Amino acid sequence: MDTDRPNDAVLEPVDRESTPSIIARKLRKAISSGKFAQGRQLIEADLARELRTSRGPLREAMQRLTQEGLLISVRNRGLFVTTLTDDDVRDVYFARMAIERAAAHRVMATGPAPQALAAMRARLDELEAADGDPAAAASADFRFHEQLVELAGSPRLSRMHATLMTETQMCLSALADSYQRAPGDRLTEHKALLAAITAGDKTTLEELLAAHADDALRRLGHGSG
């Protein structure tokens, strides 16, 4: 009997990341990287064997991804990686920009701390250093946007944004060549975003975020007009 727990305690202490969380993270990464392609059926027995885990934690992890919209359950058939339609892709960017805009506005309202600006500049340095390496450039690009949302200090925004970034990675699996052709443009764009946030320039921020989404959609063949 655990004598350190209060008599009225109803929850178990949390001392490490749970197995379902670890499995969910691994599955999420496989989906975002394209290793589990859109539309692919995920076979529970195969995954349990590959992950060397029991089916209980695996089912819980897959349920989490279903709730996030990354997996879809088809009655009498099983679980499949979701397939993003044209409307889905446009909606992913619409939602992402709404979250990033809200995060940037909060950062500007409170005034970005020196350490926050240093973190953002570090992401720009990573982006510049990744010139010629599409995978590294994409990773630095994503980390820049993740960092922006993290700076807002809103766990809920960060959770929503994390799912949208996974869906964005699914969208961008065919974009490596496009990004490789113009790495300087992407760096310039992100520098301008950081400059607008630092200056508290909401008008320029809005224009840059809109242009960023429009450019990505155009490259994906899902332009808004």
Protein backbone atom coordinates (compact mmCIF):
# COMPACT_ATOMS: atom_id res chain seq x y z
CA MET A 1 0.00 0.00 0.00
CA ASP A 2 1.27 3.48 -0.93
CA THR A 3 1.34 5.39 2.37
CA ASP A 4 2.59 8.57 0.64
CA ARG A 5 -0.70 9.14 -1.16
CA PRO A 6 -3.46 11.13 0.59
CA ASN A 7 -6.50 9.09 1.60
CA ASP A 8 -8.78 11.01 -0.76
CA ALA A 9 -6.49 10.72 -3.81
CA VAL A 10 -8.27 9.48 -6.93
CA LEU A 11 -5.48 9.77 -9.52
CA GLU A 12 -2.25 7.84 -9.84
CA PRO A 13 0.98 9.87 -9.73
CA VAL A 14 2.53 10.69 -13.11
CA ASP A 15 6.21 9.87 -13.19
CA ARG A 16 6.94 9.23 -16.86
CA GLU A 17 5.44 9.45 -20.33
CA SER A 18 2.80 6.75 -20.71
CA THR A 19 3.18 3.91 -23.19
CA PRO A 20 0.13 5.05 -25.24
CA SER A 21 1.67 8.53 -25.50
CA ILE A 22 4.94 7.09 -26.77
CA ILE A 23 3.13 4.91 -29.30
CA ALA A 24 0.94 7.82 -30.43
CA ARG A 25 4.05 9.94 -30.98
CA LYS A 26 5.68 7.21 -33.06
CA LEU A 27 2.56 6.70 -35.17
CA ARG A 28 2.12 10.45 -35.60
CA LYS A 29 5.70 10.74 -36.85
CA ALA A 30 5.24 7.87 -39.30
CA ILE A 31 2.09 9.51 -40.66
CA SER A 32 3.60 13.00 -40.92
CA SER A 33 6.72 11.72 -42.68
CA GLY A 34 4.72 9.77 -45.23
CA LYS A 35 6.02 6.38 -44.07
CA PHE A 36 2.37 5.59 -43.43
CA ALA A 37 0.84 7.01 -46.59
CA GLN A 38 -2.56 8.64 -46.77
CA GLY A 39 -5.24 5.98 -47.18
CA ARG A 40 -3.07 3.18 -45.79
CA GLN A 41 -4.80 0.68 -43.53
CA LEU A 42 -3.12 0.17 -40.17
CA ILE A 43 -3.29 -3.45 -39.03
CA GLU A 44 -3.33 -3.70 -35.26
CA ALA A 45 -1.59 -7.09 -35.07
CA ASP A 46 1.22 -5.95 -37.37
CA LEU A 47 1.78 -2.72 -35.46
CA ALA A 48 1.77 -4.48 -32.09
CA ARG A 49 4.40 -6.91 -33.35
CA GLU A 50 6.55 -4.14 -34.88
CA LEU A 51 6.33 -1.96 -31.77
CA ARG A 52 6.71 -4.97 -29.44
CA THR A 53 3.79 -3.86 -27.36
CA SER A 54 0.47 -5.26 -26.25
CA ARG A 55 -2.71 -4.28 -28.03
CA GLY A 56 -4.19 -2.31 -25.12
CA PRO A 57 -1.76 0.66 -25.25
CA LEU A 58 -1.74 0.48 -29.05
CA ARG A 59 -5.52 0.76 -29.22
CA GLU A 60 -5.46 3.74 -26.86
CA ALA A 61 -2.80 5.44 -28.99
CA MET A 62 -4.75 4.81 -32.18
CA GLN A 63 -7.88 6.18 -30.54
CA ARG A 64 -6.01 9.38 -29.76
CA LEU A 65 -4.98 9.76 -33.39
CA THR A 66 -8.55 9.07 -34.48
CA GLN A 67 -9.73 11.89 -32.22
CA GLU A 68 -7.07 14.14 -33.74
CA GLY A 69 -8.38 13.32 -37.22
CA LEU A 70 -5.17 11.63 -38.37
CA LEU A 71 -6.81 8.19 -38.51
CA ILE A 72 -10.30 7.33 -39.64
CA SER A 73 -12.32 4.32 -38.59
CA VAL A 74 -14.26 2.57 -41.36
CA ARG A 75 -16.94 0.25 -40.09
CA ASN A 76 -16.23 -3.44 -40.71
CA ARG A 77 -12.92 -2.56 -42.38
CA GLY A 78 -10.62 -1.05 -39.76
CA LEU A 79 -8.46 2.03 -39.26
CA PHE A 80 -6.92 4.01 -42.10
CA VAL A 81 -4.61 7.01 -42.34
CA THR A 82 -6.86 9.89 -43.27
CA THR A 83 -6.77 11.11 -46.87
CA LEU A 84 -6.72 14.89 -47.17
CA THR A 85 -9.04 16.28 -49.83
CA ASP A 86 -8.56 19.64 -51.56
CA ASP A 87 -10.91 21.22 -49.04
CA ASP A 88 -9.02 19.60 -46.17
CA VAL A 89 -5.71 21.02 -47.37
CA ARG A 90 -7.13 24.52 -47.65
CA ASP A 91 -8.74 24.17 -44.23
CA VAL A 92 -5.46 23.01 -42.65
CA TYR A 93 -3.76 26.21 -43.77
CA PHE A 94 -6.75 28.36 -42.84
CA ALA A 95 -6.73 26.94 -39.29
CA ARG A 96 -2.94 27.08 -39.00
CA MET A 97 -2.81 30.73 -39.97
CA ALA A 98 -5.59 31.55 -37.50
CA ILE A 99 -3.62 29.94 -34.67
CA GLU A 100 -0.30 31.49 -35.67
CA ARG A 101 -1.94 34.91 -36.03
CA ALA A 102 -3.45 34.63 -32.55
CA ALA A 103 -0.12 33.50 -31.11
CA ALA A 104 1.80 36.31 -32.79
CA HIS A 105 -0.72 38.90 -31.56
CA ARG A 106 -0.30 37.69 -27.99
CA VAL A 107 3.49 37.79 -28.29
CA MET A 108 3.32 41.32 -29.69
CA ALA A 109 0.88 42.43 -26.98
CA THR A 110 3.09 41.22 -24.15
CA GLY A 111 6.33 42.20 -25.86
CA PRO A 112 8.65 39.40 -26.98
CA ALA A 113 11.23 38.63 -24.31
CA PRO A 114 14.91 38.67 -25.32
CA GLN A 115 15.18 34.90 -24.85
CA ALA A 116 12.10 34.42 -27.05
CA LEU A 117 13.64 36.49 -29.83
CA ALA A 118 16.87 34.54 -29.45
CA ALA A 119 14.96 31.27 -29.86
CA MET A 120 13.28 32.53 -33.04
CA ARG A 121 16.57 33.77 -34.45
CA ALA A 122 18.08 30.35 -33.74
CA ARG A 123 15.42 28.82 -35.97
CA LEU A 124 16.36 31.28 -38.72
CA ASP A 125 20.01 30.29 -38.34
CA GLU A 126 18.98 26.64 -38.74
CA LEU A 127 17.01 27.54 -41.85
CA GLU A 128 19.95 29.40 -43.34
CA ALA A 129 22.36 26.56 -42.51
CA ALA A 130 20.03 24.08 -44.21
CA ASP A 131 20.50 25.65 -47.66
CA GLY A 132 20.71 22.76 -50.14
CA ASP A 133 19.24 20.22 -47.72
CA PRO A 134 15.46 20.08 -48.32
CA ALA A 135 14.75 17.83 -45.32
CA ALA A 136 16.72 20.02 -42.91
CA ALA A 137 15.17 23.17 -44.38
CA ALA A 138 11.65 21.80 -43.95
CA SER A 139 12.43 20.80 -40.36
CA ALA A 140 13.79 24.28 -39.55
CA ASP A 141 10.79 25.90 -41.23
CA PHE A 142 8.36 23.85 -39.16
CA ARG A 143 10.29 24.47 -35.97
CA PHE A 144 10.10 28.23 -36.58
CA HIS A 145 6.30 28.10 -36.69
CA GLU A 146 6.11 25.75 -33.72
CA GLN A 147 8.36 28.09 -31.76
CA LEU A 148 6.13 31.05 -32.59
CA VAL A 149 3.07 29.31 -31.15
CA GLU A 150 4.99 28.08 -28.10
CA LEU A 151 5.96 31.67 -27.28
CA ALA A 152 2.28 32.56 -26.83
CA GLY A 153 2.26 30.39 -23.71
CA SER A 154 -1.07 28.73 -24.52
CA PRO A 155 -1.04 24.92 -24.12
CA ARG A 156 -4.34 24.65 -25.99
CA LEU A 157 -3.10 26.60 -29.00
CA SER A 158 0.05 24.48 -28.99
CA ARG A 159 -1.93 21.23 -28.92
CA MET A 160 -4.17 22.29 -31.80
CA HIS A 161 -1.20 23.58 -33.75
CA ALA A 162 0.73 20.31 -33.29
CA THR A 163 -2.04 18.34 -35.00
CA LEU A 164 -2.25 20.88 -37.82
CA MET A 165 1.52 20.70 -38.30
CA THR A 166 1.29 16.93 -38.68
CA GLU A 167 -1.37 17.41 -41.33
CA THR A 168 0.78 20.09 -42.97
CA GLN A 169 3.69 17.65 -43.15
CA MET A 170 1.35 15.17 -44.83
CA CYS A 171 0.47 17.88 -47.36
CA LEU A 172 4.10 18.84 -47.98
CA SER A 173 5.48 15.38 -48.69
CA ALA A 174 5.54 16.25 -52.41
CA LEU A 175 6.99 19.74 -51.95
CA ALA A 176 10.70 19.04 -51.45
CA ASP A 177 11.65 20.07 -54.98
CA SER A 178 9.68 23.31 -54.79
CA TYR A 179 11.35 24.29 -51.54
CA GLN A 180 14.75 23.34 -52.87
CA ARG A 181 14.44 25.71 -55.82
CA ALA A 182 14.07 28.86 -53.72
CA PRO A 183 15.59 28.46 -50.23
CA GLY A 184 16.58 32.13 -50.08
CA ASP A 185 12.99 33.26 -50.57
CA ARG A 186 11.84 31.16 -47.65
CA LEU A 187 14.54 32.54 -45.36
CA THR A 188 13.70 36.12 -46.39
CA GLU A 189 10.02 35.47 -45.70
CA HIS A 190 10.68 34.14 -42.20
CA LYS A 191 13.03 36.99 -41.38
CA ALA A 192 10.28 39.40 -42.39
CA LEU A 193 7.80 37.57 -40.14
CA LEU A 194 10.13 37.87 -37.16
CA ALA A 195 10.80 41.55 -37.95
CA ALA A 196 7.05 42.27 -38.01
CA ILE A 197 6.53 40.51 -34.67
CA THR A 198 9.48 42.35 -33.12
CA ALA A 199 8.16 45.70 -34.37
CA GLY A 200 4.57 44.95 -33.35
CA ASP A 201 3.49 45.52 -36.95
CA LYS A 202 0.18 43.65 -37.15
CA THR A 203 -0.65 44.83 -40.67
CA THR A 204 2.57 43.44 -42.14
CA LEU A 205 2.20 40.28 -40.07
CA GLU A 206 -1.28 39.65 -41.50
CA GLU A 207 -0.01 40.18 -45.05
CA LEU A 208 2.98 37.88 -44.56
CA LEU A 209 0.97 35.06 -43.00
CA ALA A 210 -1.62 35.25 -45.78
CA ALA A 211 1.09 35.22 -48.43
CA HIS A 212 2.81 32.29 -46.71
CA ALA A 213 -0.36 30.19 -46.79
CA ASP A 214 -1.24 31.22 -50.36
CA ASP A 215 2.24 30.29 -51.59
CA ALA A 216 2.14 26.86 -49.95
CA LEU A 217 -1.32 26.17 -51.35
CA ARG A 218 -0.23 27.27 -54.82
CA ARG A 219 2.76 24.93 -54.72
CA LEU A 220 0.48 22.12 -53.61
CA GLY A 221 -1.91 22.88 -56.44
CA HIS A 222 -4.67 24.00 -54.08
CA GLY A 223 -4.54 27.74 -54.67
CA SER A 224 -7.50 29.76 -53.49
CA GLY A 225 -8.00 31.42 -56.79
